[in-house]
C-alpha atoms as a PDB file:
ATOM      1  CA  MET A   1     126.994 143.339 108.232  1.00  0.00           C
ATOM      2  CA  THR A   2     127.456 140.204 110.357  1.00  0.00           C
ATOM      3  CA  SER A   3     125.702 137.922 107.848  1.00  0.00           C
ATOM      4  CA  SER A   4     128.877 137.906 105.723  1.00  0.00           C
ATOM      5  CA  LEU A   5     131.016 136.506 108.555  1.00  0.00           C
ATOM      6  CA  PRO A   6     131.999 132.804 108.742  1.00  0.00           C
ATOM      7  CA  PRO A   7     129.419 130.543 110.434  1.00  0.00           C
ATOM      8  CA  GLU A   8     131.887 129.684 113.231  1.00  0.00           C
ATOM      9  CA  ALA A   9     132.211 133.366 114.138  1.00  0.00           C
ATOM     10  CA  ARG A  10     128.445 133.932 114.087  1.00  0.00           C
ATOM     11  CA  GLU A  11     127.959 130.859 116.295  1.00  0.00           C
ATOM     12  CA  ALA A  12     130.458 132.206 118.847  1.00  0.00           C
ATOM     13  CA  PHE A  13     128.793 135.633 118.833  1.00  0.00           C
ATOM     14  CA  GLU A  14     125.365 134.073 119.386  1.00  0.00           C
ATOM     15  CA  ARG A  15     126.244 131.438 122.002  1.00  0.00           C
ATOM     16  CA  PHE A  16     129.177 132.679 124.112  1.00  0.00           C
ATOM     17  CA  VAL A  17     128.147 133.885 127.571  1.00  0.00           C
ATOM     18  CA  THR A  18     130.995 136.403 127.903  1.00  0.00           C
ATOM     19  CA  CYS A  19     133.787 137.890 125.853  1.00  0.00           C
ATOM     20  CA  GLU A  20     136.838 140.046 126.517  1.00  0.00           C
ATOM     21  CA  TYR A  21     136.182 143.618 125.355  1.00  0.00           C
ATOM     22  CA  THR A  22     139.198 145.878 124.797  1.00  0.00           C
ATOM     23  CA  THR A  23     138.998 149.651 124.595  1.00  0.00           C
ATOM     24  CA  VAL A  24     141.654 152.352 124.453  1.00  0.00           C
ATOM     25  CA  ALA A  25     141.667 154.613 127.525  1.00  0.00           C
ATOM     26  CA  GLY A  26     142.444 158.322 127.615  1.00  0.00           C
ATOM     27  CA  ALA A  27     146.153 157.629 128.188  1.00  0.00           C
ATOM     28  CA  ARG A  28     146.102 155.562 124.953  1.00  0.00           C
ATOM     29  CA  GLN A  29     146.533 152.339 126.933  1.00  0.00           C
ATOM     30  CA  PRO A  30     144.409 149.278 126.128  1.00  0.00           C
ATOM     31  CA  ILE A  31     142.054 148.104 128.852  1.00  0.00           C
ATOM     32  CA  THR A  32     140.263 144.744 128.702  1.00  0.00           C
ATOM     33  CA  TRP A  33     136.968 144.065 130.469  1.00  0.00           C
ATOM     34  CA  PRO A  34     134.568 141.119 130.594  1.00  0.00           C
ATOM     35  CA  LEU A  35     131.387 141.839 128.635  1.00  0.00           C
ATOM     36  CA  THR A  36     128.154 140.006 127.883  1.00  0.00           C
ATOM     37  CA  PRO A  37     127.535 140.098 124.119  1.00  0.00           C
ATOM     38  CA  TYR A  38     124.050 140.390 122.609  1.00  0.00           C
ATOM     39  CA  TYR A  39     123.746 139.207 119.029  1.00  0.00           C
ATOM     40  CA  SER A  40     121.025 138.206 116.561  1.00  0.00           C
ATOM     41  CA  ASP A  41     122.193 136.033 113.651  1.00  0.00           C
ATOM     42  CA  GLY A  42     122.775 138.211 110.593  1.00  0.00           C
ATOM     43  CA  GLY A  43     122.112 141.391 112.548  1.00  0.00           C
ATOM     44  CA  PRO A  44     123.979 144.609 111.810  1.00  0.00           C
ATOM     45  CA  THR A  45     125.710 144.824 115.216  1.00  0.00           C
ATOM     46  CA  ILE A  46     126.985 142.850 118.188  1.00  0.00           C
ATOM     47  CA  ASP A  47     125.778 144.781 121.197  1.00  0.00           C
ATOM     48  CA  GLY A  48     127.086 144.865 124.739  1.00  0.00           C
ATOM     49  CA  THR A  49     125.960 146.596 127.880  1.00  0.00           C
ATOM     50  CA  THR A  50     127.556 148.339 130.800  1.00  0.00           C
ATOM     51  CA  GLY A  51     126.000 149.244 134.123  1.00  0.00           C
ATOM     52  CA  LEU A  52     125.086 152.829 134.885  1.00  0.00           C
ATOM     53  CA  GLY A  53     127.629 152.799 137.708  1.00  0.00           C
ATOM     54  CA  TYR A  54     130.401 151.538 135.402  1.00  0.00           C
ATOM     55  CA  PRO A  55     130.326 153.706 132.250  1.00  0.00           C
ATOM     56  CA  LYS A  56     134.088 153.545 131.565  1.00  0.00           C
ATOM     57  CA  LYS A  57     133.710 150.978 128.758  1.00  0.00           C
ATOM     58  CA  ALA A  58     131.227 153.173 126.915  1.00  0.00           C
ATOM     59  CA  ASP A  59     133.126 156.398 127.648  1.00  0.00           C
ATOM     60  CA  ASP A  60     136.397 154.915 126.345  1.00  0.00           C
ATOM     61  CA  ALA A  61     134.666 153.653 123.192  1.00  0.00           C
ATOM     62  CA  ALA A  62     133.169 157.098 122.601  1.00  0.00           C
ATOM     63  CA  GLY A  63     136.614 158.696 122.955  1.00  0.00           C
ATOM     64  CA  HIS A  64     138.457 156.126 120.819  1.00  0.00           C
ATOM     65  CA  PRO A  65     135.978 153.965 118.863  1.00  0.00           C
ATOM     66  CA  SER A  66     138.440 151.236 117.792  1.00  0.00           C
ATOM     67  CA  VAL A  67     137.513 148.264 119.961  1.00  0.00           C
ATOM     68  CA  SER A  68     138.125 144.522 120.019  1.00  0.00           C
ATOM     69  CA  ARG A  69     136.195 141.548 121.369  1.00  0.00           C
ATOM     70  CA  LEU A  70     137.844 138.207 122.003  1.00  0.00           C
ATOM     71  CA  PHE A  71     135.622 135.146 122.352  1.00  0.00           C
ATOM     72  CA  SER A  72     138.118 132.845 124.054  1.00  0.00           C
ATOM     73  CA  ASP A  73     136.255 130.940 126.779  1.00  0.00           C
ATOM     74  CA  PRO A  74     133.411 128.760 125.467  1.00  0.00           C
ATOM     75  CA  THR A  75     132.349 127.601 128.973  1.00  0.00           C
ATOM     76  CA  GLY A  76     128.575 127.248 129.053  1.00  0.00           C
ATOM     77  CA  SER A  77     128.110 127.935 125.333  1.00  0.00           C
ATOM     78  CA  GLY A  78     128.310 124.428 123.891  1.00  0.00           C
ATOM     79  CA  VAL A  79     130.782 125.730 121.285  1.00  0.00           C
ATOM     80  CA  LEU A  80     133.890 123.586 120.842  1.00  0.00           C
ATOM     81  CA  SER A  81     136.139 126.064 119.010  1.00  0.00           C
ATOM     82  CA  ARG A  82     137.917 128.941 120.747  1.00  0.00           C
ATOM     83  CA  PHE A  83     139.592 132.247 120.072  1.00  0.00           C
ATOM     84  CA  SER A  84     137.308 134.162 117.747  1.00  0.00           C
ATOM     85  CA  ARG A  85     138.429 137.788 117.635  1.00  0.00           C
ATOM     86  CA  PHE A  86     136.394 140.652 116.263  1.00  0.00           C
ATOM     87  CA  ARG A  87     137.652 144.216 115.717  1.00  0.00           C
ATOM     88  CA  ARG A  88     135.377 147.045 114.670  1.00  0.00           C
ATOM     89  CA  THR A  89     134.386 150.593 115.406  1.00  0.00           C
ATOM     90  CA  ALA A  90     132.118 151.130 118.403  1.00  0.00           C
ATOM     91  CA  LYS A  91     129.135 153.431 118.484  1.00  0.00           C
ATOM     92  CA  LYS A  92     127.771 154.595 121.804  1.00  0.00           C
ATOM     93  CA  ARG A  93     123.997 154.504 121.931  1.00  0.00           C
ATOM     94  CA  PRO A  94     121.949 156.872 124.065  1.00  0.00           C
ATOM     95  CA  ALA A  95     120.994 155.518 127.470  1.00  0.00           C
ATOM     96  CA  GLU A  96     117.576 153.938 127.679  1.00  0.00           C
ATOM     97  CA  ARG A  97     115.355 154.466 130.677  1.00  0.00           C
ATOM     98  CA  ALA A  98     113.100 151.810 132.136  1.00  0.00           C
ATOM     99  CA  GLU A  99     109.426 152.727 132.169  1.00  0.00           C
ATOM    100  CA  ALA A 100     108.005 153.109 135.665  1.00  0.00           C
END
């Protein structure tokens, strides 16, 4: 899916250190959080993680899967352009456990 996006967008997804991730909470109010994106060029998704102690981002996305990511601060990425916005439908993946 992401291979059809403009090269500037794919570069931001691959190189930005953080992005602003907006979900819709239960009260139908938008909430924006910082998020670390994980992306492979041309991959089908742009992943993000949340800590086990902070599942609100994932819970909100499961309840209302319309989400937005704003790549507005290129600090540390080496990217000169700013303000790439990406809106899609989120899918919550099952939690993975670390092997002991």
